[in-house]
Amino acid sequence: MQIKRTHCLLGLALVATAAIAAHPHYLRAPSASLGSPKVIVKWSEVGLGNTGSGITYVASATAGARFQCVKTGHVCPKPGSKEEVLSNVYVSGTFAVDKNGKISDTLVIPAPQSTLVCPHYQHVVVSSVVFTNIRLTDTTNGVSSPANPSALSYNGPECP
């Protein structure tokens, strides 16, 4: 009788452990930092269990960017061509779960794309970008969180 109770208690402990391990959540809000005209999102998610497949994440933001044409050496042409773009930007990736049911990784959200066409011997540069509503979503498990901070801005050199 003693052996049966021990097995029963052991079985309940294993079921309880599995239930706890299968509750995906971020340890803390994903962090966002500026990496020139892009955002680096870092996170740790736990409670993923021992899934054989990876977990897919999407890092997203709304970005308003200003582009301009410059000559080599960042010399401002006269007159200078400029463009402003507002768009939703995102990047996704699939990551493997470690043996403890955890993923700690990063995704990099790029600045929006420019359609500006520069004259001969000039090229397009980003002069500023404002990222808002920075968010990370685990699309596999439906877990989503705003990043901390949820807004960042980049200001580079700008021609008059």
Protein backbone atom coordinates (compact mmCIF):
# COMPACT_ATOMS: atom_id res chain seq x y z
CA MET A 1 0.00 0.00 0.00
CA GLN A 2 2.88 2.35 0.83
CA ILE A 3 4.42 1.85 -2.65
CA LYS A 4 1.13 2.68 -4.41
CA ARG A 5 0.78 5.97 -2.48
CA THR A 6 4.37 6.93 -3.29
CA HIS A 7 3.80 6.26 -6.99
CA CYS A 8 0.55 8.23 -6.86
CA LEU A 9 2.23 11.21 -5.20
CA LEU A 10 5.14 11.04 -7.63
CA GLY A 11 2.68 10.99 -10.54
CA LEU A 12 0.84 14.03 -9.18
CA ALA A 13 4.14 15.89 -8.73
CA LEU A 14 5.11 15.19 -12.34
CA VAL A 15 1.73 16.37 -13.64
CA ALA A 16 1.96 19.55 -11.54
CA THR A 17 5.50 20.22 -12.78
CA ALA A 18 4.41 19.75 -16.39
CA ALA A 19 1.49 22.12 -15.88
CA ILE A 20 3.78 24.81 -14.47
CA ALA A 21 6.34 24.34 -17.26
CA ALA A 22 3.70 24.73 -19.95
CA HIS A 23 2.78 28.31 -19.00
CA PRO A 24 4.74 30.58 -21.38
CA HIS A 25 5.53 34.09 -20.11
CA TYR A 26 8.27 36.71 -20.31
CA LEU A 27 10.48 36.95 -17.21
CA ARG A 28 10.15 40.73 -17.52
CA ALA A 29 9.08 43.07 -20.30
CA PRO A 30 11.30 42.69 -23.38
CA SER A 31 13.96 45.42 -23.48
CA ALA A 32 14.47 47.75 -26.43
CA SER A 33 17.66 49.67 -27.21
CA LEU A 34 18.83 51.77 -30.11
CA GLY A 35 21.37 50.34 -32.55
CA SER A 36 21.89 53.28 -34.95
CA PRO A 37 18.75 53.57 -37.05
CA LYS A 38 17.34 50.26 -35.78
CA VAL A 39 15.92 48.80 -32.56
CA ILE A 40 17.38 45.80 -30.74
CA VAL A 41 14.75 43.82 -28.79
CA LYS A 42 16.01 41.39 -26.12
CA TRP A 43 13.90 38.98 -24.09
CA SER A 44 13.72 35.86 -21.95
CA GLU A 45 10.61 33.70 -22.10
CA VAL A 46 10.13 30.79 -19.71
CA GLY A 47 7.52 28.10 -19.14
CA LEU A 48 7.78 26.84 -22.71
CA GLY A 49 8.04 23.18 -21.75
CA ASN A 50 10.06 20.76 -23.86
CA THR A 51 8.67 21.49 -27.30
CA GLY A 52 10.39 19.69 -30.12
CA SER A 53 9.79 22.56 -32.50
CA GLY A 54 10.90 26.16 -32.23
CA ILE A 55 8.97 29.20 -31.05
CA THR A 56 8.29 32.01 -33.54
CA TYR A 57 8.56 35.64 -32.44
CA VAL A 58 7.67 38.92 -34.16
CA ALA A 59 9.25 42.18 -33.02
CA SER A 60 7.30 45.15 -34.38
CA ALA A 61 7.01 48.94 -34.22
CA THR A 62 5.58 51.94 -36.00
CA ALA A 63 8.42 53.99 -37.49
CA GLY A 64 8.56 57.50 -38.87
CA ALA A 65 11.80 58.13 -40.76
CA ARG A 66 13.43 61.01 -42.62
CA PHE A 67 15.80 60.24 -45.49
CA GLN A 68 18.05 62.54 -47.52
CA CYS A 69 20.50 62.45 -50.39
CA VAL A 70 24.14 63.22 -49.57
CA LYS A 71 27.41 63.21 -51.47
CA THR A 72 30.37 61.04 -50.45
CA GLY A 73 31.74 62.09 -47.07
CA HIS A 74 28.25 63.19 -45.98
CA VAL A 75 28.51 66.48 -47.88
CA CYS A 76 25.11 68.13 -48.27
CA PRO A 77 24.15 68.87 -51.89
CA LYS A 78 22.29 72.01 -52.97
CA PRO A 79 19.34 71.61 -53.23
CA GLY A 80 19.03 68.44 -51.19
CA SER A 81 16.40 65.79 -51.84
CA LYS A 82 14.49 64.54 -48.78
CA GLU A 83 11.72 62.06 -48.03
CA GLU A 84 9.61 61.22 -44.98
CA VAL A 85 8.20 57.71 -44.48
CA LEU A 86 5.72 56.39 -41.90
CA SER A 87 5.21 52.62 -41.79
CA ASN A 88 4.85 49.55 -39.63
CA VAL A 89 8.11 47.64 -39.46
CA TYR A 90 8.73 44.15 -38.13
CA VAL A 91 11.09 41.22 -38.13
CA SER A 92 10.44 37.61 -37.19
CA GLY A 93 12.49 34.60 -36.21
CA THR A 94 12.10 31.07 -34.92
CA PHE A 95 14.21 30.02 -31.94
CA ALA A 96 14.91 26.69 -30.23
CA VAL A 97 13.76 26.08 -26.66
CA ASP A 98 16.55 25.05 -24.27
CA LYS A 99 16.33 21.99 -21.99
CA ASN A 100 14.82 24.14 -19.21
CA GLY A 101 11.92 25.40 -21.35
CA LYS A 102 13.47 28.86 -21.85
CA ILE A 103 14.46 31.13 -24.74
CA SER A 104 16.69 34.21 -24.31
CA ASP A 105 17.50 35.96 -27.57
CA THR A 106 17.32 39.15 -29.65
CA LEU A 107 15.65 40.46 -32.80
CA VAL A 108 16.60 43.65 -34.66
CA ILE A 109 13.84 45.87 -36.10
CA PRO A 110 15.11 47.82 -39.12
CA ALA A 111 14.21 51.36 -40.11
CA PRO A 112 11.58 51.60 -42.86
CA GLN A 113 12.68 51.47 -46.48
CA SER A 114 13.12 54.61 -48.55
CA THR A 115 11.94 55.11 -52.13
CA LEU A 116 14.08 58.24 -52.54
CA VAL A 117 16.14 58.28 -55.74
CA CYS A 118 19.29 60.39 -55.54
CA PRO A 119 21.08 62.11 -58.42
CA HIS A 120 24.43 60.89 -59.72
CA TYR A 121 27.24 60.62 -57.09
CA GLN A 122 24.79 60.86 -54.18
CA HIS A 123 23.30 58.19 -51.94
CA VAL A 124 20.39 57.87 -49.50
CA VAL A 125 21.02 58.11 -45.74
CA VAL A 126 18.70 57.99 -42.74
CA SER A 127 18.75 61.34 -40.94
CA SER A 128 16.22 60.43 -38.21
CA VAL A 129 13.82 57.69 -37.12
CA VAL A 130 11.21 57.58 -34.35
CA PHE A 131 10.09 54.09 -33.31
CA THR A 132 6.84 53.84 -31.32
CA ASN A 133 4.67 50.94 -30.13
CA ILE A 134 7.70 48.63 -29.91
CA ARG A 135 6.33 45.16 -29.11
CA LEU A 136 7.40 41.51 -29.00
CA THR A 137 4.94 38.70 -29.74
CA ASP A 138 5.41 34.96 -29.31
CA THR A 139 3.11 33.93 -32.16
CA THR A 140 3.36 30.23 -31.30
CA ASN A 141 1.81 30.67 -27.84
CA GLY A 142 -0.03 33.98 -28.27
CA VAL A 143 2.09 35.83 -25.68
CA SER A 144 2.65 39.54 -26.40
CA SER A 145 4.21 42.43 -24.48
CA PRO A 146 5.24 46.03 -25.12
CA ALA A 147 8.99 46.55 -24.90
CA ASN A 148 10.63 48.71 -22.27
CA PRO A 149 10.95 51.44 -23.41
CA SER A 150 8.19 51.23 -26.00
CA ALA A 151 9.47 54.26 -27.97
CA LEU A 152 12.98 55.24 -29.14
CA SER A 153 14.40 57.83 -31.53
CA TYR A 154 17.55 58.10 -33.63
CA ASN A 155 18.89 61.45 -34.85
CA GLY A 156 21.79 61.49 -37.27
CA PRO A 157 23.34 64.37 -39.19
CA GLU A 158 20.82 66.26 -41.29
CA CYS A 159 21.33 68.63 -44.20
CA PRO A 160 19.68 72.05 -44.01
